[in-house]
Amino acid sequence: MFAVTVTFEIKPENVDRFLALVQENAQTSLRDEPGCQLFDICHTPGETTVFLYEIYDSKAAFDAHLASQHFKTFDAATAQMVDSKDARLFEKVIR
């Protein structure tokens, strides 16, 4: 398992458009990427923070997500909407 969290601060005037685009990205990831197991989008109405929680089979599956055309399109379309972005990557600890 490979988990990804991303916290975005979105420019206030772009929140609705960003949410529409990130939902499209999540739906496409879940539908078209066999290694994408979970892609949750969290947002509190009236606020500018958007939090993503994603689960992939492996780092290779996440790398495939980053290389996908739909992700590249999303990333380019939203680049100017974002004030800040904090992405964190986690690997499952096996004992």
N, C-alpha and C. Protein backbone atom coordinates (compact mmCIF):
# COMPACT_ATOMS: atom_id res chain seq x y z
N MET A 1 0.84 -1.18 0.00
CA MET A 1 0.00 0.00 0.00
C MET A 1 0.88 1.24 0.00
N PHE A 2 0.44 2.23 -0.74
CA PHE A 2 1.14 3.51 -0.82
C PHE A 2 0.09 4.60 -0.68
N ALA A 3 0.23 5.44 0.33
CA ALA A 3 -0.75 6.50 0.60
C ALA A 3 -0.17 7.86 0.26
N VAL A 4 -1.04 8.72 -0.22
CA VAL A 4 -0.66 10.08 -0.58
C VAL A 4 -1.68 11.02 0.06
N THR A 5 -1.18 12.06 0.71
CA THR A 5 -2.07 13.13 1.18
C THR A 5 -1.59 14.42 0.52
N VAL A 6 -2.54 15.23 0.13
CA VAL A 6 -2.22 16.52 -0.46
C VAL A 6 -3.17 17.55 0.15
N THR A 7 -2.59 18.62 0.67
CA THR A 7 -3.39 19.73 1.19
C THR A 7 -3.14 20.94 0.29
N PHE A 8 -4.22 21.42 -0.30
CA PHE A 8 -4.16 22.59 -1.17
C PHE A 8 -4.79 23.78 -0.45
N GLU A 9 -4.21 24.94 -0.64
CA GLU A 9 -4.88 26.20 -0.31
C GLU A 9 -5.19 26.83 -1.66
N ILE A 10 -6.48 27.01 -1.92
CA ILE A 10 -6.95 27.48 -3.20
C ILE A 10 -7.30 28.97 -3.11
N LYS A 11 -6.99 29.71 -4.17
CA LYS A 11 -7.40 31.11 -4.22
C LYS A 11 -8.93 31.15 -4.14
N PRO A 12 -9.47 32.02 -3.28
CA PRO A 12 -10.92 32.00 -3.01
C PRO A 12 -11.81 32.02 -4.25
N GLU A 13 -11.44 32.77 -5.24
CA GLU A 13 -12.27 32.87 -6.44
C GLU A 13 -12.23 31.62 -7.32
N ASN A 14 -11.36 30.67 -6.99
CA ASN A 14 -11.20 29.47 -7.81
C ASN A 14 -11.68 28.18 -7.15
N VAL A 15 -12.20 28.26 -5.95
CA VAL A 15 -12.53 27.04 -5.21
C VAL A 15 -13.52 26.17 -5.96
N ASP A 16 -14.61 26.73 -6.45
CA ASP A 16 -15.63 25.91 -7.12
C ASP A 16 -15.07 25.25 -8.38
N ARG A 17 -14.32 25.97 -9.17
CA ARG A 17 -13.74 25.40 -10.39
C ARG A 17 -12.72 24.33 -10.03
N PHE A 18 -11.89 24.59 -9.03
CA PHE A 18 -10.90 23.60 -8.60
C PHE A 18 -11.59 22.32 -8.16
N LEU A 19 -12.65 22.45 -7.35
CA LEU A 19 -13.36 21.26 -6.87
C LEU A 19 -13.93 20.44 -8.02
N ALA A 20 -14.45 21.09 -9.03
CA ALA A 20 -14.97 20.37 -10.20
C ALA A 20 -13.85 19.62 -10.91
N LEU A 21 -12.72 20.26 -11.09
CA LEU A 21 -11.60 19.63 -11.79
C LEU A 21 -10.98 18.49 -10.98
N VAL A 22 -10.86 18.66 -9.67
CA VAL A 22 -10.26 17.60 -8.86
C VAL A 22 -11.20 16.40 -8.77
N GLN A 23 -12.51 16.64 -8.77
CA GLN A 23 -13.46 15.52 -8.78
C GLN A 23 -13.36 14.74 -10.09
N GLU A 24 -13.21 15.44 -11.19
CA GLU A 24 -13.03 14.77 -12.49
C GLU A 24 -11.74 13.94 -12.49
N ASN A 25 -10.66 14.51 -11.94
CA ASN A 25 -9.38 13.80 -11.86
C ASN A 25 -9.51 12.54 -11.00
N ALA A 26 -10.18 12.66 -9.87
CA ALA A 26 -10.36 11.51 -8.97
C ALA A 26 -11.18 10.41 -9.63
N GLN A 27 -12.27 10.79 -10.27
CA GLN A 27 -13.13 9.80 -10.93
C GLN A 27 -12.38 9.07 -12.04
N THR A 28 -11.60 9.82 -12.81
CA THR A 28 -10.82 9.20 -13.90
C THR A 28 -9.75 8.29 -13.33
N SER A 29 -9.10 8.71 -12.26
CA SER A 29 -8.06 7.88 -11.63
C SER A 29 -8.65 6.55 -11.16
N LEU A 30 -9.78 6.62 -10.47
CA LEU A 30 -10.42 5.40 -9.96
C LEU A 30 -10.91 4.50 -11.09
N ARG A 31 -11.39 5.08 -12.15
CA ARG A 31 -11.93 4.30 -13.26
C ARG A 31 -10.82 3.70 -14.15
N ASP A 32 -9.76 4.48 -14.42
CA ASP A 32 -8.79 4.10 -15.45
C ASP A 32 -7.45 3.59 -14.93
N GLU A 33 -7.19 3.75 -13.64
CA GLU A 33 -5.90 3.34 -13.09
C GLU A 33 -6.11 2.13 -12.18
N PRO A 34 -5.72 0.94 -12.63
CA PRO A 34 -5.95 -0.26 -11.81
C PRO A 34 -5.27 -0.19 -10.44
N GLY A 35 -4.19 0.55 -10.31
CA GLY A 35 -3.47 0.63 -9.04
C GLY A 35 -4.00 1.68 -8.08
N CYS A 36 -5.00 2.46 -8.49
CA CYS A 36 -5.60 3.48 -7.63
C CYS A 36 -6.80 2.85 -6.92
N GLN A 37 -6.69 2.70 -5.61
CA GLN A 37 -7.72 2.04 -4.82
C GLN A 37 -8.70 3.00 -4.15
N LEU A 38 -8.24 4.20 -3.83
CA LEU A 38 -9.06 5.17 -3.10
C LEU A 38 -8.60 6.56 -3.47
N PHE A 39 -9.55 7.47 -3.67
CA PHE A 39 -9.19 8.86 -3.98
C PHE A 39 -10.27 9.73 -3.36
N ASP A 40 -10.07 10.14 -2.12
CA ASP A 40 -11.04 10.95 -1.40
C ASP A 40 -10.69 12.43 -1.49
N ILE A 41 -11.71 13.25 -1.62
CA ILE A 41 -11.56 14.70 -1.65
C ILE A 41 -12.35 15.26 -0.48
N CYS A 42 -11.69 16.05 0.36
CA CYS A 42 -12.34 16.63 1.54
C CYS A 42 -12.27 18.16 1.45
N HIS A 43 -13.40 18.79 1.77
CA HIS A 43 -13.47 20.26 1.71
C HIS A 43 -14.61 20.72 2.61
N THR A 44 -14.38 21.78 3.34
CA THR A 44 -15.42 22.40 4.15
C THR A 44 -15.98 23.59 3.38
N PRO A 45 -17.28 23.59 3.10
CA PRO A 45 -17.88 24.72 2.38
C PRO A 45 -17.53 26.06 3.03
N GLY A 46 -17.22 27.03 2.20
CA GLY A 46 -16.87 28.36 2.69
C GLY A 46 -15.40 28.53 3.00
N GLU A 47 -14.63 27.45 2.94
CA GLU A 47 -13.19 27.53 3.20
C GLU A 47 -12.41 27.28 1.92
N THR A 48 -11.10 27.53 1.97
CA THR A 48 -10.27 27.42 0.77
C THR A 48 -9.31 26.22 0.81
N THR A 49 -9.36 25.44 1.88
CA THR A 49 -8.50 24.27 1.98
C THR A 49 -9.19 23.07 1.35
N VAL A 50 -8.44 22.34 0.53
CA VAL A 50 -8.92 21.09 -0.05
C VAL A 50 -7.89 20.02 0.31
N PHE A 51 -8.37 18.91 0.85
CA PHE A 51 -7.50 17.83 1.31
C PHE A 51 -7.80 16.57 0.51
N LEU A 52 -6.76 15.96 -0.05
CA LEU A 52 -6.90 14.70 -0.79
C LEU A 52 -6.24 13.58 -0.01
N TYR A 53 -6.87 12.41 -0.05
CA TYR A 53 -6.32 11.20 0.55
C TYR A 53 -6.45 10.12 -0.51
N GLU A 54 -5.30 9.61 -0.95
CA GLU A 54 -5.27 8.65 -2.04
C GLU A 54 -4.52 7.38 -1.60
N ILE A 55 -5.02 6.23 -2.05
CA ILE A 55 -4.36 4.95 -1.77
C ILE A 55 -4.07 4.27 -3.12
N TYR A 56 -2.83 3.84 -3.25
CA TYR A 56 -2.38 3.13 -4.45
C TYR A 56 -1.81 1.78 -4.03
N ASP A 57 -1.75 0.85 -4.97
CA ASP A 57 -1.17 -0.46 -4.68
C ASP A 57 0.31 -0.36 -4.34
N SER A 58 1.00 0.61 -4.95
CA SER A 58 2.45 0.72 -4.80
C SER A 58 2.90 2.12 -5.23
N LYS A 59 4.17 2.42 -4.99
CA LYS A 59 4.72 3.68 -5.48
C LYS A 59 4.69 3.70 -7.00
N ALA A 60 4.93 2.56 -7.63
CA ALA A 60 4.89 2.50 -9.09
C ALA A 60 3.50 2.87 -9.61
N ALA A 61 2.45 2.45 -8.92
CA ALA A 61 1.09 2.81 -9.32
C ALA A 61 0.87 4.31 -9.17
N PHE A 62 1.42 4.92 -8.12
CA PHE A 62 1.31 6.36 -7.95
C PHE A 62 2.11 7.08 -9.04
N ASP A 63 3.31 6.58 -9.34
CA ASP A 63 4.11 7.18 -10.41
C ASP A 63 3.36 7.12 -11.74
N ALA A 64 2.64 6.02 -11.99
CA ALA A 64 1.84 5.91 -13.21
C ALA A 64 0.72 6.97 -13.21
N HIS A 65 0.15 7.23 -12.04
CA HIS A 65 -0.86 8.29 -11.92
C HIS A 65 -0.26 9.63 -12.31
N LEU A 66 0.91 9.94 -11.78
CA LEU A 66 1.55 11.22 -12.10
C LEU A 66 1.90 11.35 -13.57
N ALA A 67 2.15 10.23 -14.23
CA ALA A 67 2.51 10.23 -15.65
C ALA A 67 1.29 10.22 -16.57
N SER A 68 0.10 10.01 -16.00
CA SER A 68 -1.11 9.90 -16.83
C SER A 68 -1.46 11.25 -17.45
N GLN A 69 -2.05 11.18 -18.63
CA GLN A 69 -2.45 12.40 -19.32
C GLN A 69 -3.52 13.16 -18.54
N HIS A 70 -4.45 12.44 -17.92
CA HIS A 70 -5.50 13.16 -17.18
C HIS A 70 -4.94 13.91 -15.99
N PHE A 71 -3.92 13.35 -15.31
CA PHE A 71 -3.31 14.09 -14.20
C PHE A 71 -2.56 15.31 -14.71
N LYS A 72 -1.80 15.15 -15.79
CA LYS A 72 -1.05 16.28 -16.34
C LYS A 72 -1.99 17.40 -16.77
N THR A 73 -3.13 17.04 -17.35
CA THR A 73 -4.12 18.04 -17.74
C THR A 73 -4.69 18.75 -16.52
N PHE A 74 -5.03 17.98 -15.47
CA PHE A 74 -5.53 18.57 -14.22
C PHE A 74 -4.49 19.50 -13.61
N ASP A 75 -3.25 19.05 -13.52
CA ASP A 75 -2.18 19.82 -12.90
C ASP A 75 -1.97 21.15 -13.62
N ALA A 76 -1.97 21.11 -14.94
CA ALA A 76 -1.78 22.34 -15.72
C ALA A 76 -2.98 23.28 -15.57
N ALA A 77 -4.18 22.73 -15.58
CA ALA A 77 -5.40 23.53 -15.51
C ALA A 77 -5.57 24.22 -14.16
N THR A 78 -5.02 23.62 -13.10
CA THR A 78 -5.23 24.16 -11.75
C THR A 78 -4.03 24.92 -11.19
N ALA A 79 -2.92 24.90 -11.89
CA ALA A 79 -1.67 25.49 -11.36
C ALA A 79 -1.86 26.92 -10.86
N GLN A 80 -2.57 27.74 -11.61
CA GLN A 80 -2.74 29.14 -11.23
C GLN A 80 -3.84 29.35 -10.18
N MET A 81 -4.59 28.29 -9.86
CA MET A 81 -5.66 28.38 -8.87
C MET A 81 -5.15 28.16 -7.44
N VAL A 82 -3.95 27.63 -7.32
CA VAL A 82 -3.43 27.14 -6.05
C VAL A 82 -2.48 28.17 -5.43
N ASP A 83 -2.74 28.51 -4.16
CA ASP A 83 -1.82 29.37 -3.41
C ASP A 83 -0.67 28.54 -2.82
N SER A 84 -0.99 27.33 -2.33
CA SER A 84 0.05 26.45 -1.79
C SER A 84 -0.42 25.00 -1.88
N LYS A 85 0.57 24.11 -1.85
CA LYS A 85 0.30 22.68 -1.98
C LYS A 85 1.32 21.94 -1.12
N ASP A 86 0.83 21.04 -0.27
CA ASP A 86 1.71 20.22 0.57
C ASP A 86 1.36 18.76 0.31
N ALA A 87 2.24 18.06 -0.38
CA ALA A 87 2.02 16.64 -0.69
C ALA A 87 2.94 15.80 0.19
N ARG A 88 2.37 14.73 0.73
CA ARG A 88 3.14 13.81 1.57
C ARG A 88 2.88 12.39 1.10
N LEU A 89 3.94 11.58 1.10
CA LEU A 89 3.89 10.21 0.62
C LEU A 89 4.20 9.27 1.78
N PHE A 90 3.42 8.18 1.87
CA PHE A 90 3.57 7.24 2.96
C PHE A 90 3.56 5.81 2.43
N GLU A 91 4.49 5.02 2.91
CA GLU A 91 4.50 3.59 2.59
C GLU A 91 4.04 2.82 3.82
N LYS A 92 3.35 1.73 3.57
CA LYS A 92 2.85 0.91 4.66
C LYS A 92 4.04 0.28 5.41
N VAL A 93 3.95 0.30 6.72
CA VAL A 93 4.97 -0.32 7.56
C VAL A 93 4.54 -1.77 7.80
N ILE A 94 5.39 -2.68 7.43
CA ILE A 94 5.10 -4.10 7.61
C ILE A 94 5.98 -4.64 8.73
N ARG A 95 5.37 -5.32 9.68
CA ARG A 95 6.13 -5.88 10.78
C ARG A 95 6.25 -7.37 10.63
